[in-house]
Amino acid sequence: MLAAALLTGCGGAPLAAESGPEISSGSSSSSPEQTAPLWPDPAQTLVTTPKGVRPAAEPVDVVAFPEIEWLAEERGLTLEQAAQEFQDSQTYGPWSERARALLGSQLSQVAWRDPDVPDGRPYIAYRGDLPPELVTLAEELPFPVELRGGAVLTDAERELFQNAALEAFEADVAPRNWGGGMDAPTGVLQIDYVAEDARKRADDATRQLVIAAGSAAVGREVPVTVEFLTDDRDPKTTEAATWFLPAGWVADPSATSVDVLVEAQGCTGGKGAVGRLADPVVEVTPTEVRISTPVYILKDGQTCPGHPMAPLTVELGQPLGDRTLVDVNGTIDDDTAPPGGGVVIPSAG
């Protein structure tokens, strides 16, 4: 997919799409009291003057490159605009490997962003003095690049700090950490954990242990921000799901129940709605049977492999008659293709 193409250099490490930790989402359990230095610092940021020639984007072949069509739809771009960004990213990838090699131990982060977005621009973050050779190298590109100094950590330091910090967190709070990520330029570390599985709640003492362990691993005091994330919602909280009728379904006016397939929304770690169905809600009117199929939430971040639909028998309380079956939440996935398998899609509303 284009996302991978845009974020990966030619044969090298992934490029960051934006500045920020790579971590699953959650609700904040405590707010950090310390604050990392503001980054990027305009006084330490140089926007290069492009001297390279930017060739026009080649005609779009959506059959050979369906990812371009996907990008256009995802970002609201024309096919020509999406093709230009794709072509620019292909130029930036191998170039960024040369920049990495030039910066060496000074490198903090290389990021790709659409150079045609007004507040965008690809950027390179580094520590120490700006090498003049990097400016010359960046000017070879046909679009401007931001060279951002003042990064809190180099990329190598980020790995050392993060590993030591998470070990300290595990020793103090949980037998294993459920996710975490550190952004090297900003020095923001987020740790995502399940409170129910922890020995204690992460607190300010935990934060100081984490900072001390990471700084010791790096060999200097690092001005980082540490955020602890955990999902504090009641596990009996429900959320909307959609439902479909099995393939080949035919209405039976005398039926007092209907078998449906419930489709969970979002990432579910491959579980779907199986094992977390709440009681369906049924409203019968003279012309419709309106059904909603809530599911209990999955706490904390989830991965996004495919998932099965969950079978559910919905009691109607009276014969269906000539009423129309309506999925009350059927409009929440309008931007998502319906599941395969020849299911029958009910009316939505």
Protein backbone atom coordinates (compact mmCIF):
# COMPACT_ATOMS: atom_id res chain seq x y z
CA MET A 1 0.00 0.00 0.00
CA LEU A 2 0.98 3.60 -0.51
CA ALA A 3 1.29 4.23 3.21
CA ALA A 4 4.23 1.85 3.32
CA ALA A 5 5.71 3.32 0.18
CA LEU A 6 5.52 6.84 1.55
CA LEU A 7 7.05 5.94 4.90
CA THR A 8 9.91 3.71 3.82
CA GLY A 9 13.19 4.75 2.31
CA CYS A 10 14.89 2.70 -0.36
CA GLY A 11 16.21 -0.31 1.53
CA GLY A 12 16.49 1.62 4.79
CA ALA A 13 14.70 2.27 8.05
CA PRO A 14 11.13 3.61 7.97
CA LEU A 15 10.59 7.32 7.70
CA ALA A 16 8.43 8.94 10.35
CA ALA A 17 5.16 10.25 8.96
CA GLU A 18 4.93 12.90 11.67
CA SER A 19 6.64 13.79 14.91
CA GLY A 20 5.05 11.78 17.70
CA PRO A 21 5.28 8.51 19.62
CA GLU A 22 4.34 5.27 17.94
CA ILE A 23 1.80 3.96 20.42
CA SER A 24 -1.74 2.69 20.67
CA SER A 25 -4.32 5.11 22.02
CA GLY A 26 -5.70 5.25 25.53
CA SER A 27 -6.97 7.68 28.12
CA SER A 28 -4.44 9.60 30.18
CA SER A 29 -4.13 8.36 33.75
CA SER A 30 -1.84 11.14 34.91
CA SER A 31 -0.52 14.34 33.40
CA PRO A 32 3.21 14.97 33.26
CA GLU A 33 4.49 17.81 35.40
CA GLN A 34 7.78 18.22 33.55
CA THR A 35 7.89 19.60 30.04
CA ALA A 36 10.43 18.88 27.32
CA PRO A 37 11.88 21.82 25.36
CA LEU A 38 9.66 23.24 22.63
CA TRP A 39 10.49 21.57 19.34
CA PRO A 40 10.98 22.39 16.58
CA ASP A 41 12.70 25.62 17.53
CA PRO A 42 12.27 28.17 14.69
CA ALA A 43 15.68 29.61 15.56
CA GLN A 44 17.27 26.23 14.83
CA THR A 45 15.20 25.37 11.74
CA LEU A 46 16.45 25.98 8.22
CA VAL A 47 14.13 25.64 5.23
CA THR A 48 16.20 24.71 2.20
CA THR A 49 15.95 26.28 -1.23
CA PRO A 50 15.28 23.52 -3.77
CA LYS A 51 17.63 23.44 -6.74
CA GLY A 52 16.67 20.08 -8.15
CA VAL A 53 14.27 19.70 -11.06
CA ARG A 54 10.87 18.34 -10.14
CA PRO A 55 9.61 16.30 -13.07
CA ALA A 56 5.91 16.33 -13.78
CA ALA A 57 4.03 13.35 -12.44
CA GLU A 58 3.61 10.57 -14.98
CA PRO A 59 0.09 9.64 -16.15
CA VAL A 60 -1.77 7.73 -13.46
CA ASP A 61 -2.21 4.01 -14.02
CA VAL A 62 -4.62 3.05 -11.21
CA VAL A 63 -4.51 -0.59 -12.30
CA ALA A 64 -0.75 -0.83 -11.84
CA PHE A 65 -0.71 1.53 -8.84
CA PRO A 66 -4.04 1.20 -6.97
CA GLU A 67 -2.38 2.81 -3.93
CA ILE A 68 -2.41 6.15 -5.77
CA GLU A 69 -6.19 5.96 -6.14
CA TRP A 70 -6.43 5.00 -2.45
CA LEU A 71 -4.36 8.03 -1.43
CA ALA A 72 -6.49 10.34 -3.56
CA GLU A 73 -9.68 9.10 -1.88
CA GLU A 74 -8.15 9.07 1.63
CA ARG A 75 -6.77 12.62 1.43
CA GLY A 76 -9.32 14.23 -0.87
CA LEU A 77 -6.73 14.75 -3.63
CA THR A 78 -7.02 14.54 -7.38
CA LEU A 79 -5.31 11.58 -9.00
CA GLU A 80 -2.68 13.96 -10.39
CA GLN A 81 -1.95 15.37 -6.92
CA ALA A 82 -1.73 11.90 -5.42
CA ALA A 83 0.58 10.77 -8.19
CA GLN A 84 2.83 13.79 -7.59
CA GLU A 85 3.12 13.02 -3.87
CA PHE A 86 3.85 9.37 -4.63
CA GLN A 87 6.58 10.37 -7.06
CA ASP A 88 8.05 12.88 -4.59
CA SER A 89 8.15 10.24 -1.86
CA GLN A 90 10.01 7.89 -4.17
CA THR A 91 12.62 10.63 -4.66
CA TYR A 92 12.83 11.36 -0.93
CA GLY A 93 13.30 7.74 0.18
CA PRO A 94 16.73 7.00 -1.30
CA TRP A 95 17.84 10.59 -0.72
CA SER A 96 17.05 10.22 2.99
CA GLU A 97 19.47 7.29 3.23
CA ARG A 98 22.26 9.60 2.08
CA ALA A 99 21.19 12.13 4.73
CA ARG A 100 21.23 9.45 7.43
CA ALA A 101 24.73 8.42 6.49
CA LEU A 102 25.93 12.03 6.48
CA LEU A 103 24.47 12.82 9.92
CA GLY A 104 25.60 9.57 11.50
CA SER A 105 25.28 9.76 15.29
CA GLN A 106 23.68 13.23 15.08
CA LEU A 107 20.54 11.86 13.41
CA SER A 108 17.33 12.07 15.40
CA GLN A 109 14.54 11.51 12.87
CA VAL A 110 13.79 11.61 9.15
CA ALA A 111 10.16 12.32 8.29
CA TRP A 112 8.17 12.42 5.08
CA ARG A 113 5.29 14.84 4.63
CA ASP A 114 3.63 16.15 1.49
CA PRO A 115 5.75 19.15 0.39
CA ASP A 116 2.69 20.71 -1.28
CA VAL A 117 0.83 21.05 2.03
CA PRO A 118 1.34 24.64 3.30
CA ASP A 119 2.27 23.61 6.84
CA GLY A 120 3.87 20.37 5.75
CA ARG A 121 7.35 19.87 4.32
CA PRO A 122 9.52 16.81 4.89
CA TYR A 123 12.02 17.29 7.69
CA ILE A 124 15.20 15.96 9.25
CA ALA A 125 15.82 16.30 12.98
CA TYR A 126 19.32 16.26 14.46
CA ARG A 127 21.41 17.14 17.51
CA GLY A 128 24.49 19.30 17.56
CA ASP A 129 25.65 21.72 14.88
CA LEU A 130 24.14 21.74 11.41
CA PRO A 131 26.59 20.16 8.95
CA PRO A 132 26.94 22.43 5.90
CA GLU A 133 27.09 19.28 3.78
CA LEU A 134 23.51 18.48 4.82
CA VAL A 135 22.31 21.83 3.49
CA THR A 136 24.02 21.18 0.17
CA LEU A 137 22.57 17.69 0.02
CA ALA A 138 19.05 18.87 0.84
CA GLU A 139 19.15 21.54 -1.85
CA GLU A 140 19.53 18.79 -4.45
CA LEU A 141 15.86 17.93 -3.91
CA PRO A 142 13.19 19.56 -6.08
CA PHE A 143 11.12 20.59 -3.04
CA PRO A 144 12.00 22.31 0.26
CA VAL A 145 13.06 20.32 3.34
CA GLU A 146 13.20 21.54 6.93
CA LEU A 147 16.48 20.88 8.76
CA ARG A 148 15.48 20.96 12.42
CA GLY A 149 18.15 21.22 15.10
CA GLY A 150 17.79 20.96 18.84
CA ALA A 151 16.34 17.45 19.01
CA VAL A 152 16.14 16.11 22.58
CA LEU A 153 17.56 12.70 21.63
CA THR A 154 19.34 11.14 18.70
CA ASP A 155 17.78 8.03 17.22
CA ALA A 156 20.39 5.82 18.89
CA GLU A 157 19.80 7.53 22.24
CA ARG A 158 16.06 7.11 21.85
CA GLU A 159 16.40 3.33 21.70
CA LEU A 160 18.69 3.24 24.75
CA PHE A 161 16.43 5.56 26.76
CA GLN A 162 13.20 3.81 25.82
CA ASN A 163 14.44 0.29 26.58
CA ALA A 164 15.79 1.27 30.00
CA ALA A 165 12.71 3.35 30.81
CA LEU A 166 10.30 0.53 30.00
CA GLU A 167 12.32 -1.92 32.09
CA ALA A 168 12.05 0.47 35.04
CA PHE A 169 8.32 0.86 34.43
CA GLU A 170 7.79 -2.91 34.34
CA ALA A 171 9.71 -3.35 37.59
CA ASP A 172 7.62 -0.70 39.35
CA VAL A 173 4.14 -1.08 37.85
CA ALA A 174 3.45 -4.07 35.65
CA PRO A 175 4.96 -7.47 34.83
CA ARG A 176 5.00 -6.44 31.20
CA ASN A 177 4.35 -3.23 29.37
CA TRP A 178 1.43 -3.19 26.93
CA GLY A 179 2.83 -0.68 24.55
CA GLY A 180 5.04 2.31 24.50
CA GLY A 181 6.83 4.65 22.22
CA MET A 182 9.25 7.53 22.34
CA ASP A 183 9.62 10.41 19.93
CA ALA A 184 13.31 11.30 19.71
CA PRO A 185 13.07 14.97 18.59
CA THR A 186 10.50 16.05 21.19
CA GLY A 187 11.61 13.68 23.97
CA VAL A 188 8.03 12.55 24.66
CA LEU A 189 7.69 9.00 26.04
CA GLN A 190 4.25 7.42 26.30
CA ILE A 191 3.64 4.17 28.16
CA ASP A 192 0.32 2.43 27.62
CA TYR A 193 -0.66 -0.19 30.19
CA VAL A 194 -3.66 -2.11 31.55
CA ALA A 195 -4.41 -0.86 35.05
CA GLU A 196 -6.24 -4.05 36.05
CA ASP A 197 -3.08 -6.10 35.43
CA ALA A 198 -0.74 -3.74 37.24
CA ARG A 199 0.68 -3.98 40.76
CA LYS A 200 -0.01 -0.27 41.23
CA ARG A 201 -1.06 2.76 39.27
CA ALA A 202 1.75 4.65 37.60
CA ASP A 203 2.43 7.85 39.52
CA ASP A 204 4.99 10.65 39.83
CA ALA A 205 7.41 8.32 41.63
CA THR A 206 7.16 5.94 38.67
CA ARG A 207 7.82 8.83 36.33
CA GLN A 208 11.00 9.81 38.17
CA LEU A 209 12.23 6.20 38.13
CA VAL A 210 11.60 6.00 34.40
CA ILE A 211 13.42 9.26 33.68
CA ALA A 212 16.37 8.31 35.90
CA ALA A 213 16.74 4.90 34.26
CA GLY A 214 16.56 6.31 30.74
CA SER A 215 18.99 9.13 31.47
CA ALA A 216 21.46 6.69 33.03
CA ALA A 217 21.32 4.54 29.90
CA VAL A 218 22.03 7.54 27.70
CA GLY A 219 24.72 8.89 30.01
CA ARG A 220 23.28 12.36 30.52
CA GLU A 221 20.24 14.01 32.05
CA VAL A 222 17.55 14.15 29.39
CA PRO A 223 14.64 16.67 29.56
CA VAL A 224 11.86 14.31 28.57
CA THR A 225 8.10 14.27 29.06
CA VAL A 226 6.62 10.96 30.30
CA GLU A 227 2.93 10.23 29.85
CA PHE A 228 1.15 7.19 31.29
CA LEU A 229 -1.90 5.98 29.38
CA THR A 230 -4.49 3.50 30.52
CA ASP A 231 -8.08 2.80 29.58
CA ASP A 232 -10.23 3.54 32.64
CA ARG A 233 -13.61 2.89 31.05
CA ASP A 234 -16.01 0.45 32.67
CA PRO A 235 -15.69 -2.82 30.70
CA LYS A 236 -19.50 -3.00 30.60
CA THR A 237 -19.58 0.13 28.47
CA THR A 238 -21.13 -0.57 25.08
CA GLU A 239 -20.55 0.88 21.65
CA ALA A 240 -22.49 0.72 18.41
CA ALA A 241 -22.06 -2.10 15.92
CA THR A 242 -23.76 -2.84 12.64
CA TRP A 243 -25.50 -6.03 11.56
CA PHE A 244 -26.22 -7.92 8.38
CA LEU A 245 -28.55 -10.72 7.33
CA PRO A 246 -27.10 -14.10 6.28
CA ALA A 247 -26.61 -14.78 2.60
CA GLY A 248 -29.82 -15.95 0.95
CA TRP A 249 -32.04 -14.54 3.71
CA VAL A 250 -35.72 -14.29 2.75
CA ALA A 251 -38.29 -12.53 4.92
CA ASP A 252 -40.78 -14.78 6.72
CA PRO A 253 -43.85 -12.79 7.77
CA SER A 254 -44.64 -15.31 10.52
CA ALA A 255 -41.12 -15.20 12.07
CA THR A 256 -40.89 -13.83 15.63
CA SER A 257 -37.08 -13.77 15.58
CA VAL A 258 -34.36 -13.03 13.06
CA ASP A 259 -30.80 -14.35 12.83
CA VAL A 260 -28.26 -11.60 12.12
CA LEU A 261 -24.48 -11.25 11.84
CA VAL A 262 -22.99 -8.48 13.98
CA GLU A 263 -20.03 -6.56 12.60
CA ALA A 264 -17.85 -4.74 15.16
CA GLN A 265 -16.33 -1.39 14.28
CA GLY A 266 -12.64 -0.48 14.38
CA CYS A 267 -9.69 -2.57 15.53
CA THR A 268 -10.56 -5.64 17.60
CA GLY A 269 -7.38 -7.71 17.73
CA GLY A 270 -9.04 -10.25 15.43
CA LYS A 271 -11.92 -10.85 17.87
CA GLY A 272 -14.71 -8.90 16.19
CA ALA A 273 -17.93 -8.90 18.20
CA VAL A 274 -17.60 -12.57 19.18
CA GLY A 275 -17.93 -12.98 22.94
CA ARG A 276 -18.92 -9.37 23.66
CA LEU A 277 -22.48 -9.04 22.40
CA ALA A 278 -24.82 -6.99 24.60
CA ASP A 279 -28.59 -7.35 24.49
CA PRO A 280 -30.03 -6.04 21.23
CA VAL A 281 -32.53 -3.21 21.33
CA VAL A 282 -35.70 -3.72 19.27
CA GLU A 283 -38.35 -1.14 18.39
CA VAL A 284 -41.41 -2.31 16.44
CA THR A 285 -43.46 0.23 14.50
CA PRO A 286 -46.36 -0.39 12.10
CA THR A 287 -43.92 -0.37 9.14
CA GLU A 288 -40.49 -1.20 10.57
CA VAL A 289 -38.58 -3.37 13.00
CA ARG A 290 -35.70 -1.18 14.13
CA ILE A 291 -32.78 -3.12 15.63
CA SER A 292 -29.55 -1.95 17.22
CA THR A 293 -26.85 -4.43 18.27
CA PRO A 294 -24.50 -2.88 20.84
CA VAL A 295 -21.28 -4.66 21.84
CA TYR A 296 -19.16 -4.34 24.95
CA ILE A 297 -15.98 -2.33 24.42
CA LEU A 298 -12.50 -3.80 24.11
CA LYS A 299 -10.25 -1.92 26.48
CA ASP A 300 -6.86 -0.51 25.49
CA GLY A 301 -5.24 -0.48 22.06
CA GLN A 302 -6.04 -3.29 19.64
CA THR A 303 -4.35 -4.56 16.52
CA CYS A 304 -6.23 -4.53 13.24
CA PRO A 305 -6.26 -7.94 11.53
CA GLY A 306 -9.51 -9.09 9.96
CA HIS A 307 -12.20 -10.38 12.27
CA PRO A 308 -15.30 -12.58 12.04
CA MET A 309 -18.89 -11.45 12.37
CA ALA A 310 -20.78 -12.71 15.40
CA PRO A 311 -24.07 -14.60 14.96
CA LEU A 312 -26.98 -13.31 17.05
CA THR A 313 -30.65 -14.28 17.26
CA VAL A 314 -32.85 -11.23 17.82
CA GLU A 315 -36.28 -11.80 19.34
CA LEU A 316 -38.90 -9.51 17.81
CA GLY A 317 -41.70 -10.05 20.32
CA GLN A 318 -44.28 -10.45 17.55
CA PRO A 319 -44.47 -11.70 13.95
CA LEU A 320 -42.41 -9.74 11.42
CA GLY A 321 -45.32 -9.35 9.05
CA ASP A 322 -44.58 -7.04 6.13
CA ARG A 323 -42.39 -4.71 8.17
CA THR A 324 -38.94 -3.61 6.96
CA LEU A 325 -35.91 -4.59 8.99
CA VAL A 326 -33.80 -1.52 9.82
CA ASP A 327 -30.31 -1.35 11.31
CA VAL A 328 -30.46 1.70 13.59
CA ASN A 329 -26.66 2.10 13.35
CA GLY A 330 -26.36 1.13 9.72
CA THR A 331 -25.00 4.51 8.71
CA ILE A 332 -21.93 4.45 10.96
CA ASP A 333 -19.90 2.46 8.44
CA ASP A 334 -20.94 4.30 5.29
CA ASP A 335 -17.27 4.84 4.44
CA THR A 336 -16.47 1.14 4.82
CA ALA A 337 -17.14 -1.58 2.28
CA PRO A 338 -19.64 -4.17 3.56
CA PRO A 339 -18.22 -7.55 4.55
CA GLY A 340 -17.94 -10.25 1.91
CA GLY A 341 -19.73 -13.57 1.86
CA GLY A 342 -22.84 -12.38 0.07
CA VAL A 343 -24.53 -10.99 3.18
CA VAL A 344 -27.81 -9.14 2.85
CA ILE A 345 -27.58 -5.48 3.86
CA PRO A 346 -30.61 -4.23 5.80
CA SER A 347 -32.09 -0.76 5.53
CA ALA A 348 -30.18 1.83 7.55
CA GLY A 349 -31.44 4.67 9.62
